[in-house]
Amino acid sequence: MRPTLLLPMLLLSTQALALDATCETYLAAAEKSAKQPARHSISEPGDGSSHEAIIVDGKFFSNLGGDWQVIPGAQLLKGELKMIEQIRAGKYPMTNCRKAGSERFEGVSTSVITYTLTMPGMAPAETRTFIGADGLVYGQSSGGMRVRHRYTGVKAPL
């Protein structure tokens, strides 16, 4: 291939992997949220069940509707950060990122960002994410699933 044709192709492939500013806003918030010393999350898949997770000082506690269990938390946090890295690298395509206004979520003023994430074995679905002025993710919803996060006043359940 002629060198003059190769350069435009390289530029196009780099641009195809680059995320727009709105996608990057979400990823920066997800990354900041994953690095918080404490977080309480409640996931509700829409079938009446819920899953609570608490991370405090690197310890991970999980409750699937019964008793709290202690689970090694370092792997979970590393997994979240690795996923963000893989999205940025283009392994899991993030598309259709857009600002969708502002909304109060669980009493917090948030900016709403929507996006579509494509992962193997899962149908792509639009996700709504609620990001506070502090740059933290306070909630997400996709299909029937809803996730709520809080970062202050979080204590270990055991």
Protein backbone atom coordinates (compact mmCIF):
# COMPACT_ATOMS: atom_id res chain seq x y z
CA MET A 1 0.00 0.00 0.00
CA ARG A 2 1.25 3.48 -0.78
CA PRO A 3 2.28 5.52 2.29
CA THR A 4 0.03 8.42 1.24
CA LEU A 5 -3.01 6.12 1.48
CA LEU A 6 -1.94 4.53 4.76
CA LEU A 7 -1.93 7.73 6.84
CA PRO A 8 -5.61 8.63 6.20
CA MET A 9 -6.60 5.04 7.02
CA LEU A 10 -4.69 5.19 10.33
CA LEU A 11 -6.31 8.51 11.18
CA LEU A 12 -9.77 7.14 10.45
CA SER A 13 -9.22 4.05 12.60
CA THR A 14 -7.97 6.20 15.51
CA GLN A 15 -10.99 8.46 15.21
CA ALA A 16 -13.33 5.47 15.15
CA LEU A 17 -11.97 4.36 18.54
CA ALA A 18 -12.02 7.83 20.08
CA LEU A 19 -14.95 8.48 22.36
CA ASP A 20 -16.77 11.77 22.19
CA ALA A 21 -16.72 14.20 25.13
CA THR A 22 -20.11 13.04 26.44
CA CYS A 23 -19.01 9.38 26.56
CA GLU A 24 -15.80 10.47 28.29
CA THR A 25 -17.82 12.46 30.85
CA TYR A 26 -19.62 9.26 31.83
CA LEU A 27 -16.40 7.20 31.93
CA ALA A 28 -14.65 9.81 34.10
CA ALA A 29 -17.61 9.74 36.52
CA ALA A 30 -17.63 5.92 36.58
CA GLU A 31 -13.90 5.89 37.24
CA LYS A 32 -14.19 8.46 40.05
CA SER A 33 -17.10 6.52 41.57
CA ALA A 34 -15.14 3.24 41.50
CA LYS A 35 -12.29 4.91 43.40
CA GLN A 36 -14.42 6.18 46.30
CA PRO A 37 -13.51 4.75 49.71
CA ALA A 38 -17.19 4.01 50.46
CA ARG A 39 -20.22 3.25 48.33
CA HIS A 40 -23.63 1.70 48.95
CA SER A 41 -25.37 0.39 45.83
CA ILE A 42 -28.84 -1.05 45.44
CA SER A 43 -29.63 -2.89 42.20
CA GLU A 44 -33.24 -3.63 41.32
CA PRO A 45 -33.72 -5.78 38.20
CA GLY A 46 -37.44 -4.99 37.97
CA ASP A 47 -38.73 -8.34 39.19
CA GLY A 48 -39.26 -7.21 42.80
CA SER A 49 -35.88 -8.47 43.98
CA SER A 50 -32.88 -6.36 44.92
CA HIS A 51 -29.17 -6.70 45.55
CA GLU A 52 -27.34 -4.45 47.98
CA ALA A 53 -23.60 -3.98 47.89
CA ILE A 54 -21.48 -1.96 50.26
CA ILE A 55 -17.84 -1.17 49.72
CA VAL A 56 -15.98 0.35 52.66
CA ASP A 57 -12.20 0.72 52.77
CA GLY A 58 -11.64 -2.03 50.21
CA LYS A 59 -14.03 -4.52 51.85
CA PHE A 60 -17.04 -5.68 49.85
CA PHE A 61 -20.32 -6.73 51.49
CA SER A 62 -23.17 -8.27 49.51
CA ASN A 63 -26.81 -8.96 50.35
CA LEU A 64 -29.06 -10.74 47.87
CA GLY A 65 -32.15 -10.43 50.07
CA GLY A 66 -30.92 -12.50 53.02
CA ASP A 67 -27.86 -12.16 55.19
CA TRP A 68 -24.88 -9.94 54.48
CA GLN A 69 -21.82 -11.75 53.15
CA VAL A 70 -18.23 -10.52 53.05
CA ILE A 71 -16.64 -10.95 49.62
CA PRO A 72 -13.08 -9.94 48.65
CA GLY A 73 -13.68 -6.42 47.32
CA ALA A 74 -10.38 -5.61 45.69
CA GLN A 75 -11.22 -7.78 42.68
CA LEU A 76 -14.57 -6.06 42.16
CA LEU A 77 -13.00 -2.62 42.17
CA LYS A 78 -10.22 -3.74 39.83
CA GLY A 79 -12.90 -5.24 37.55
CA GLU A 80 -14.80 -1.94 37.37
CA LEU A 81 -11.65 -0.01 36.50
CA LYS A 82 -10.62 -2.64 33.93
CA MET A 83 -14.05 -2.42 32.26
CA ILE A 84 -13.68 1.36 31.96
CA GLU A 85 -10.22 0.87 30.45
CA GLN A 86 -11.60 -1.68 27.96
CA ILE A 87 -14.42 0.67 26.90
CA ARG A 88 -11.89 3.44 26.30
CA ALA A 89 -9.77 1.01 24.27
CA GLY A 90 -12.78 0.13 22.09
CA LYS A 91 -13.14 -3.49 23.23
CA TYR A 92 -16.74 -2.79 24.26
CA PRO A 93 -18.19 -0.15 21.92
CA MET A 94 -19.93 2.79 23.60
CA THR A 95 -22.11 4.74 21.17
CA ASN A 96 -24.95 7.26 21.01
CA CYS A 97 -23.69 9.20 24.03
CA ARG A 98 -25.76 12.30 24.59
CA LYS A 99 -26.71 14.73 27.29
CA ALA A 100 -30.36 14.27 28.17
CA GLY A 101 -30.92 17.22 30.48
CA SER A 102 -30.91 17.38 34.25
CA GLU A 103 -33.00 15.62 36.87
CA ARG A 104 -33.17 15.06 40.62
CA PHE A 105 -32.22 11.48 41.43
CA GLU A 106 -32.69 10.27 45.01
CA GLY A 107 -32.62 13.91 46.16
CA VAL A 108 -29.43 14.79 44.25
CA SER A 109 -29.35 17.26 41.35
CA THR A 110 -27.83 15.37 38.43
CA SER A 111 -26.98 15.67 34.78
CA VAL A 112 -28.39 12.82 32.73
CA ILE A 113 -26.28 11.10 30.11
CA THR A 114 -27.57 8.30 27.90
CA TYR A 115 -25.44 5.85 25.96
CA THR A 116 -25.48 2.40 24.39
CA LEU A 117 -22.85 -0.14 25.39
CA THR A 118 -22.31 -3.26 23.30
CA MET A 119 -20.98 -6.33 25.12
CA PRO A 120 -20.69 -9.95 23.99
CA GLY A 121 -23.72 -12.08 24.79
CA MET A 122 -25.92 -9.10 25.66
CA ALA A 123 -28.30 -7.13 23.49
CA PRO A 124 -27.28 -3.47 23.24
CA ALA A 125 -29.56 -1.30 25.36
CA GLU A 126 -29.72 2.39 26.09
CA THR A 127 -28.60 3.28 29.61
CA ARG A 128 -29.50 6.46 31.49
CA THR A 129 -26.86 7.61 33.96
CA PHE A 130 -27.33 10.28 36.62
CA ILE A 131 -24.13 12.21 37.45
CA GLY A 132 -23.94 14.69 40.32
CA ALA A 133 -22.12 18.03 40.28
CA ASP A 134 -19.38 16.28 42.28
CA GLY A 135 -18.68 14.02 39.26
CA LEU A 136 -20.03 10.84 40.87
CA VAL A 137 -22.56 8.42 39.40
CA TYR A 138 -25.71 8.39 41.57
CA GLY A 139 -27.83 6.10 39.47
CA GLN A 140 -28.31 4.16 36.28
CA SER A 141 -31.27 2.60 34.55
CA SER A 142 -31.50 0.32 31.55
CA GLY A 143 -34.48 -1.74 30.49
CA GLY A 144 -36.09 -2.81 33.75
CA MET A 145 -32.86 -2.55 35.80
CA ARG A 146 -32.30 0.36 38.16
CA VAL A 147 -29.16 0.97 40.24
CA ARG A 148 -28.78 3.58 42.99
CA HIS A 149 -25.50 4.66 44.60
CA ARG A 150 -24.67 6.71 47.65
CA TYR A 151 -21.24 7.68 48.96
CA THR A 152 -21.71 9.44 52.28
CA GLY A 153 -22.70 7.92 55.61
CA VAL A 154 -21.83 4.45 54.33
CA LYS A 155 -20.84 1.96 57.03
CA ALA A 156 -19.99 -1.74 56.97
CA PRO A 157 -23.09 -3.82 57.77
CA LEU A 158 -21.12 -6.37 59.84
